[in-house]
C-alpha cells in the first residue's frame, strides 16, 4: 500500500533536509521546554506562535458564546462560493486566528471563499469543554448567519493540530446535537489529534528522537483535560476517533511520517472512509509536525487543498435539515 506518490518518493532527500532545518529552527518545541514549570512552558509556547504577520484584510467581530463574547476573525469575498470555518492550532493552550492570516487571504482569492476563524478559549485557564463549546457556538452562528453576513450558506471547516481535533469534534456536535453536519460540504483536517488517550505514535513509538517538534510526553493534554482518566479521554466528544463517524462530510487528512500524531491521522482517515465518507489522505515521508510549513510539502499540499475545496463547493447545495 503506497501512502505517498512517486513524486514525493523522489523528493525524500530534499524533504529530510528541509525537515531537519525546520525542527532546528522552530523557536519552541516540547523537548526544549521540558525542564520548565507548566506555567513557563505555556508562556514559552504562547510567545512562539508560528505564522506570518497579521493581514490588514482580517476584520474582527464578536458573537455571543456560552459564557461570554467570542471573537471571530473574518475575511470576506465580494462573490463567495462558500464560507470556511477555521479553527487554529496551538495544543489547546496557545495560538490565535492571526496565525493563519496569510493563508486565509490566499484562500479568499484562490478558492473564492469567505473565512471565519474562531478565537476559542485556551487551557489551562479554560480546560475542556471550553474550546469545543466555543467552536460549536461559532458553527451554529455560521449556520444561521453565513448567507446574510458573508453571501453564501455553503460551508467548509478546517483546522490544524489541535484545531483539526476541534474541527472533528465540532462536526460531530453539529450532527448529534443540531442535525446539521450536512451543512458542511468538506473538512480539511491537518495533522490532528483524534485519540486523546494517546495513540502509539503520540507516545513516541516509531518516532526517532530529534525528528519532530513534539516530544511524546503529551503534556498539553493534562492542561486541556485535567483530572480525566485514560478511559474518560476516550469519550467521543474528547477523542473523535472513538465516535460513530457515519454522516460526516468529505475530508482531506494530511500528516508527516515523523509527526507524533501520524497514527491519529492514519487511524482517523481509515475510520472516516469505512464509515462511508469520502476520504482523501496525504502523507509526507520523513517530515515532522507542522510539515505544511516545509517548502516542498507546501508546493505539493496547497494545490491539492485548493482543488479539494473547489470540488467540495461544486457538490449540490446543502439543504438545511433542521
Protein backbone atom coordinates (compact mmCIF):
# COMPACT_ATOMS: atom_id res chain seq x y z
CA UNK A 1 0.00 0.00 0.00
CA UNK A 2 1.59 3.26 -1.14
CA UNK A 3 0.91 6.16 1.23
CA UNK A 4 2.61 8.76 -0.97
CA UNK A 5 3.13 9.21 -4.68
CA UNK A 6 6.27 8.71 -6.74
CA UNK A 7 6.86 12.46 -6.85
CA UNK A 8 7.23 12.56 -3.07
CA UNK A 9 9.35 9.42 -3.05
CA UNK A 10 11.84 11.09 -5.35
CA UNK A 11 11.82 14.18 -3.14
CA UNK A 12 12.62 12.36 0.11
CA UNK A 13 16.24 13.59 0.38
CA UNK A 14 15.00 17.17 -0.01
CA UNK A 15 12.19 16.57 2.48
CA UNK A 16 14.65 15.22 5.06
CA UNK A 17 16.89 18.25 4.65
CA UNK A 18 14.02 20.70 4.97
CA UNK A 19 12.59 18.80 7.94
CA UNK A 20 15.90 18.93 9.83
CA UNK A 21 16.19 22.66 9.19
CA UNK A 22 12.61 23.23 10.32
CA UNK A 23 12.94 21.23 13.55
CA UNK A 24 16.18 23.05 14.39
CA UNK A 25 14.74 26.48 13.65
CA UNK A 26 11.38 26.34 15.43
CA UNK A 27 11.54 28.74 18.35
CA UNK A 28 9.56 26.40 20.62
CA UNK A 29 9.37 22.65 20.86
CA UNK A 30 8.35 20.35 23.67
CA UNK A 31 11.83 18.91 24.24
CA UNK A 32 13.44 22.34 24.68
CA UNK A 33 10.97 23.34 27.41
CA UNK A 34 10.81 20.01 29.24
CA UNK A 35 12.70 21.33 32.28
CA UNK A 36 10.45 24.33 32.82
CA UNK A 37 7.40 24.63 35.03
CA UNK A 38 3.97 24.23 33.47
CA UNK A 39 3.37 27.98 33.57
CA UNK A 40 6.75 28.61 31.94
CA UNK A 41 6.09 26.02 29.25
CA UNK A 42 2.72 27.52 28.43
CA UNK A 43 4.22 31.01 28.28
CA UNK A 44 7.04 29.79 26.02
CA UNK A 45 4.55 28.18 23.68
CA UNK A 46 2.41 31.29 23.54
CA UNK A 47 5.41 33.51 22.80
CA UNK A 48 6.44 31.42 19.81
CA UNK A 49 3.27 31.22 17.74
CA UNK A 50 4.04 30.20 14.18
CA UNK A 51 2.73 32.16 11.24
CA UNK A 52 3.29 35.38 9.37
CA UNK A 53 2.27 38.91 10.33
CA UNK A 54 -1.43 39.72 10.65
CA UNK A 55 -3.18 40.72 7.45
CA UNK A 56 -4.88 44.08 7.14
CA UNK A 57 -7.67 42.23 5.32
CA UNK A 58 -8.76 40.48 8.52
CA UNK A 59 -11.67 42.07 10.38
CA UNK A 60 -12.62 41.15 13.95
CA UNK A 61 -16.17 40.82 15.20
CA UNK A 62 -17.78 39.17 18.20
CA UNK A 63 -20.69 36.83 18.70
CA UNK A 64 -22.38 35.56 21.82
CA UNK A 65 -20.73 32.48 23.28
CA UNK A 66 -21.70 30.05 26.05
CA UNK A 67 -20.02 32.18 28.75
CA UNK A 68 -19.41 35.49 27.02
CA UNK A 69 -18.33 37.05 23.71
CA UNK A 70 -16.31 35.02 21.19
CA UNK A 71 -14.02 36.85 18.78
CA UNK A 72 -14.22 35.82 15.15
CA UNK A 73 -11.58 36.94 12.66
CA UNK A 74 -13.19 37.28 9.26
CA UNK A 75 -12.10 37.61 5.65
CA UNK A 76 -14.75 38.48 3.10
CA UNK A 77 -15.14 37.95 -0.63
CA UNK A 78 -17.33 40.03 -2.91
CA UNK A 79 -18.97 36.98 -4.50
CA UNK A 80 -18.09 33.95 -2.36
CA UNK A 81 -18.79 30.40 -3.41
CA UNK A 82 -18.64 29.30 0.22
CA UNK A 83 -17.58 30.15 3.77
CA UNK A 84 -14.74 28.40 5.60
CA UNK A 85 -14.92 27.99 9.37
CA UNK A 86 -11.32 27.75 10.57
CA UNK A 87 -10.06 26.56 13.97
CA UNK A 88 -6.42 27.37 14.75
CA UNK A 89 -3.85 25.05 16.31
CA UNK A 90 -1.65 25.53 19.36
CA UNK A 91 -2.05 22.41 21.55
CA UNK A 92 -5.30 23.77 23.05
CA UNK A 93 -3.21 26.22 25.11
CA UNK A 94 -1.81 28.73 22.61
CA UNK A 95 -2.33 30.23 19.20
CA UNK A 96 -4.76 32.69 17.69
CA UNK A 97 -6.68 33.18 14.43
CA UNK A 98 -3.98 35.57 13.22
CA UNK A 99 -1.57 32.64 12.89
CA UNK A 100 -3.19 31.73 9.58
CA UNK A 101 -4.00 35.22 8.26
CA UNK A 102 -1.70 34.94 5.25
CA UNK A 103 -3.16 31.60 4.19
CA UNK A 104 -6.70 32.85 4.70
CA UNK A 105 -6.08 35.82 2.43
CA UNK A 106 -4.78 33.39 -0.22
CA UNK A 107 -7.80 31.12 0.22
CA UNK A 108 -10.17 34.03 -0.29
CA UNK A 109 -8.53 34.87 -3.61
CA UNK A 110 -7.78 31.34 -4.81
CA UNK A 111 -10.92 29.45 -3.78
CA UNK A 112 -13.43 32.33 -3.77
CA UNK A 113 -14.46 31.82 -0.17
CA UNK A 114 -15.01 33.94 2.90
CA UNK A 115 -13.19 32.81 6.05
CA UNK A 116 -14.29 32.90 9.69
CA UNK A 117 -11.65 31.90 12.27
CA UNK A 118 -12.56 31.24 15.91
CA UNK A 119 -10.64 32.72 18.85
CA UNK A 120 -11.69 29.98 21.26
CA UNK A 121 -10.79 29.87 24.96
CA UNK A 122 -7.49 28.23 25.85
CA UNK A 123 -6.27 25.85 28.53
CA UNK A 124 -5.12 25.75 31.26
CA UNK A 125 -7.23 28.77 32.21
CA UNK A 126 -10.18 27.27 30.33
CA UNK A 127 -9.93 23.47 30.09
CA UNK A 128 -12.33 21.12 28.27
CA UNK A 129 -15.10 21.68 27.31
CA UNK A 130 -14.48 25.42 26.85
CA UNK A 131 -12.74 25.21 23.45
CA UNK A 132 -15.21 22.80 21.81
CA UNK A 133 -18.12 24.75 23.29
CA UNK A 134 -16.84 27.95 21.67
CA UNK A 135 -16.26 26.21 18.33
CA UNK A 136 -19.74 24.71 18.44
CA UNK A 137 -21.21 28.14 19.14
CA UNK A 138 -19.33 29.61 16.18
CA UNK A 139 -20.52 26.80 13.89
CA UNK A 140 -24.14 27.29 14.99
CA UNK A 141 -23.86 31.03 14.44
CA UNK A 142 -22.40 30.48 10.98
CA UNK A 143 -25.15 28.07 10.01
CA UNK A 144 -27.71 30.72 10.95
CA UNK A 145 -25.96 33.80 9.58
CA UNK A 146 -23.46 32.85 6.86
CA UNK A 147 -25.74 33.75 3.96
CA UNK A 148 -26.70 37.19 5.24
CA UNK A 149 -23.30 38.06 6.71
CA UNK A 150 -20.95 36.66 4.06
CA UNK A 151 -23.05 35.93 0.97
CA UNK A 152 -23.12 32.11 0.98
CA UNK A 153 -24.51 29.32 3.12
CA UNK A 154 -22.20 26.67 1.61
CA UNK A 155 -19.86 25.82 4.48
CA UNK A 156 -16.42 24.25 4.85
CA UNK A 157 -14.44 23.58 8.03
CA UNK A 158 -10.70 23.31 8.64
CA UNK A 159 -8.10 23.11 11.38
CA UNK A 160 -4.51 22.19 12.07
CA UNK A 161 -3.24 20.08 15.01
CA UNK A 162 -5.49 20.90 17.99
CA UNK A 163 -7.63 22.82 15.51
CA UNK A 164 -8.16 19.67 13.46
CA UNK A 165 -9.23 17.86 16.63
CA UNK A 166 -11.69 20.66 17.44
CA UNK A 167 -12.98 20.71 13.86
CA UNK A 168 -13.76 16.97 14.03
CA UNK A 169 -15.45 17.40 17.42
CA UNK A 170 -17.44 20.34 16.04
CA UNK A 171 -18.71 18.27 13.12
CA UNK A 172 -19.82 15.50 15.48
CA UNK A 173 -21.61 18.03 17.67
CA UNK A 174 -23.28 19.52 14.60
CA UNK A 175 -24.52 16.07 13.62
CA UNK A 176 -25.56 14.81 17.06
CA UNK A 177 -26.77 17.99 18.70
CA UNK A 178 -28.13 20.01 15.78
CA UNK A 179 -28.77 17.55 12.92
CA UNK A 180 -26.61 19.85 10.80
CA UNK A 181 -23.41 18.05 9.80
CA UNK A 182 -24.71 18.06 6.23
CA UNK A 183 -24.42 21.85 6.17
CA UNK A 184 -20.64 21.39 5.89
CA UNK A 185 -19.52 20.30 2.44
CA UNK A 186 -15.91 19.46 3.29
CA UNK A 187 -13.32 19.30 6.06
CA UNK A 188 -9.58 19.98 5.86
CA UNK A 189 -8.04 18.16 8.85
CA UNK A 190 -4.28 18.74 9.06
CA UNK A 191 -2.05 16.65 11.40
CA UNK A 192 -4.77 16.45 14.04
CA UNK A 193 -5.01 14.65 17.38
CA UNK A 194 -8.06 12.37 17.42
CA UNK A 195 -7.33 9.96 20.31
CA UNK A 196 -6.54 11.97 23.44
CA UNK A 197 -5.92 8.77 25.39
CA UNK A 198 -2.80 8.71 23.16
CA UNK A 199 -2.01 6.55 20.14
CA UNK A 200 1.32 4.67 19.89
CA UNK A 201 2.93 7.44 17.84
CA UNK A 202 1.76 10.07 20.35
CA UNK A 203 3.75 8.09 22.92
CA UNK A 204 6.81 8.15 20.64
CA UNK A 205 6.57 4.66 19.17
CA UNK A 206 8.31 4.67 15.81
CA UNK A 207 9.34 8.34 16.00
CA UNK A 208 13.11 8.81 16.06
CA UNK A 209 14.32 11.30 18.70
CA UNK A 210 15.01 14.77 17.33
CA UNK A 211 12.86 14.39 14.21
CA UNK A 212 9.75 16.19 15.49
CA UNK A 213 8.88 19.37 17.37
CA UNK A 214 6.64 17.30 19.70
CA UNK A 215 8.30 15.09 22.30
CA UNK A 216 5.79 12.34 23.02
CA UNK A 217 5.07 13.32 26.63
CA UNK A 218 1.66 14.72 25.76
CA UNK A 219 1.86 17.36 28.50
CA UNK A 220 -0.71 19.71 26.83
CA UNK A 221 -3.36 17.02 27.28
CA UNK A 222 -3.15 17.29 31.05
CA UNK A 223 -3.81 21.03 30.76
CA UNK A 224 -6.75 20.55 28.40
CA UNK A 225 -8.19 17.51 30.21
CA UNK A 226 -7.24 17.92 33.90
CA UNK A 227 -8.16 15.01 36.12
CA UNK A 228 -9.51 12.84 33.29
CA UNK A 229 -8.62 9.15 33.32
CA UNK A 230 -7.45 7.40 30.18
CA UNK A 231 -10.87 5.82 29.77
CA UNK A 232 -12.66 9.16 30.22
CA UNK A 233 -10.44 10.60 27.49
CA UNK A 234 -11.93 8.05 25.08
CA UNK A 235 -15.33 9.73 25.23
CA UNK A 236 -16.13 10.56 21.58
CA UNK A 237 -16.59 14.24 22.45
CA UNK A 238 -12.99 14.23 23.68
CA UNK A 239 -11.48 11.69 21.28
CA UNK A 240 -13.40 11.70 17.98
CA UNK A 241 -11.57 8.56 16.84
CA UNK A 242 -13.97 6.68 19.13
CA UNK A 243 -17.10 8.22 17.60
CA UNK A 244 -19.53 6.73 15.12
CA UNK A 245 -18.32 8.63 12.06
CA UNK A 246 -21.25 7.99 9.73
CA UNK A 247 -22.72 11.04 8.05
CA UNK A 248 -19.55 13.13 8.02
CA UNK A 249 -18.61 15.37 5.05
CA UNK A 250 -15.74 14.65 2.65
CA UNK A 251 -12.41 15.15 4.40
CA UNK A 252 -8.81 15.76 3.40
CA UNK A 253 -6.38 14.36 6.01
CA UNK A 254 -2.68 15.31 5.96
CA UNK A 255 0.32 14.35 8.12
CA UNK A 256 4.06 13.68 8.09
CA UNK A 257 5.55 10.31 9.00
CA UNK A 258 7.80 11.79 11.72
CA UNK A 259 4.85 13.53 13.38
CA UNK A 260 3.89 12.20 16.81
CA UNK A 261 0.29 12.47 15.52
CA UNK A 262 0.83 10.29 12.46
CA UNK A 263 -1.17 7.38 13.93
CA UNK A 264 -4.08 9.70 14.72
CA UNK A 265 -4.38 10.75 11.07
CA UNK A 266 -3.91 7.25 9.65
CA UNK A 267 -6.44 5.73 12.07
CA UNK A 268 -8.97 8.55 11.66
CA UNK A 269 -8.77 8.58 7.87
CA UNK A 270 -9.36 4.83 7.76
CA UNK A 271 -12.34 5.02 10.11
CA UNK A 272 -13.73 8.05 8.23
CA UNK A 273 -13.69 6.08 4.98
CA UNK A 274 -15.01 2.83 6.48
CA UNK A 275 -17.95 4.86 7.83
CA UNK A 276 -18.89 5.68 4.22
CA UNK A 277 -17.48 9.17 3.87
CA UNK A 278 -15.29 10.41 1.03
CA UNK A 279 -11.74 10.45 2.36
CA UNK A 280 -8.53 11.84 0.84
CA UNK A 281 -5.19 11.24 2.56
CA UNK A 282 -1.85 13.00 2.07
CA UNK A 283 1.17 11.51 3.86
CA UNK A 284 4.54 13.23 3.68
CA UNK A 285 7.54 10.97 4.30
CA UNK A 286 10.29 11.97 6.75
CA UNK A 287 8.53 15.16 7.85
CA UNK A 288 7.52 16.43 11.33
CA UNK A 289 4.50 18.00 12.95
CA UNK A 290 3.81 21.27 11.14
CA UNK A 291 5.06 19.79 7.86
CA UNK A 292 2.99 22.08 5.64
CA UNK A 293 5.48 24.84 6.57
CA UNK A 294 8.20 22.99 4.64
CA UNK A 295 8.61 24.48 1.13
CA UNK A 296 8.48 21.15 -0.70
CA UNK A 297 5.45 19.94 1.26
CA UNK A 298 3.70 23.27 0.73
CA UNK A 299 4.26 23.02 -3.02
CA UNK A 300 2.58 19.61 -3.03
CA UNK A 301 -0.10 20.17 -0.38
CA UNK A 302 -1.65 23.53 -1.15
CA UNK A 303 -2.62 22.91 -4.80
CA UNK A 304 -4.35 19.72 -3.64
CA UNK A 305 -6.08 21.55 -0.82
CA UNK A 306 -7.36 24.20 -3.22
CA UNK A 307 -8.64 21.51 -5.59
CA UNK A 308 -10.31 19.71 -2.68
CA UNK A 309 -12.16 22.84 -1.56
CA UNK A 310 -13.24 23.65 -5.12
CA UNK A 311 -14.58 20.13 -5.60
CA UNK A 312 -16.49 20.25 -2.30
CA UNK A 313 -18.10 23.56 -3.24
CA UNK A 314 -19.33 22.07 -6.52
CA UNK A 315 -21.44 19.47 -4.73
CA UNK A 316 -25.23 20.02 -4.70
CA UNK A 317 -26.39 22.72 -2.34
CA UNK A 318 -26.87 21.52 1.23
CA UNK A 319 -30.48 21.67 2.35
CA UNK A 320 -30.93 22.67 5.99
CA UNK A 321 -32.01 19.58 7.94
CA UNK A 322 -33.36 21.38 10.99
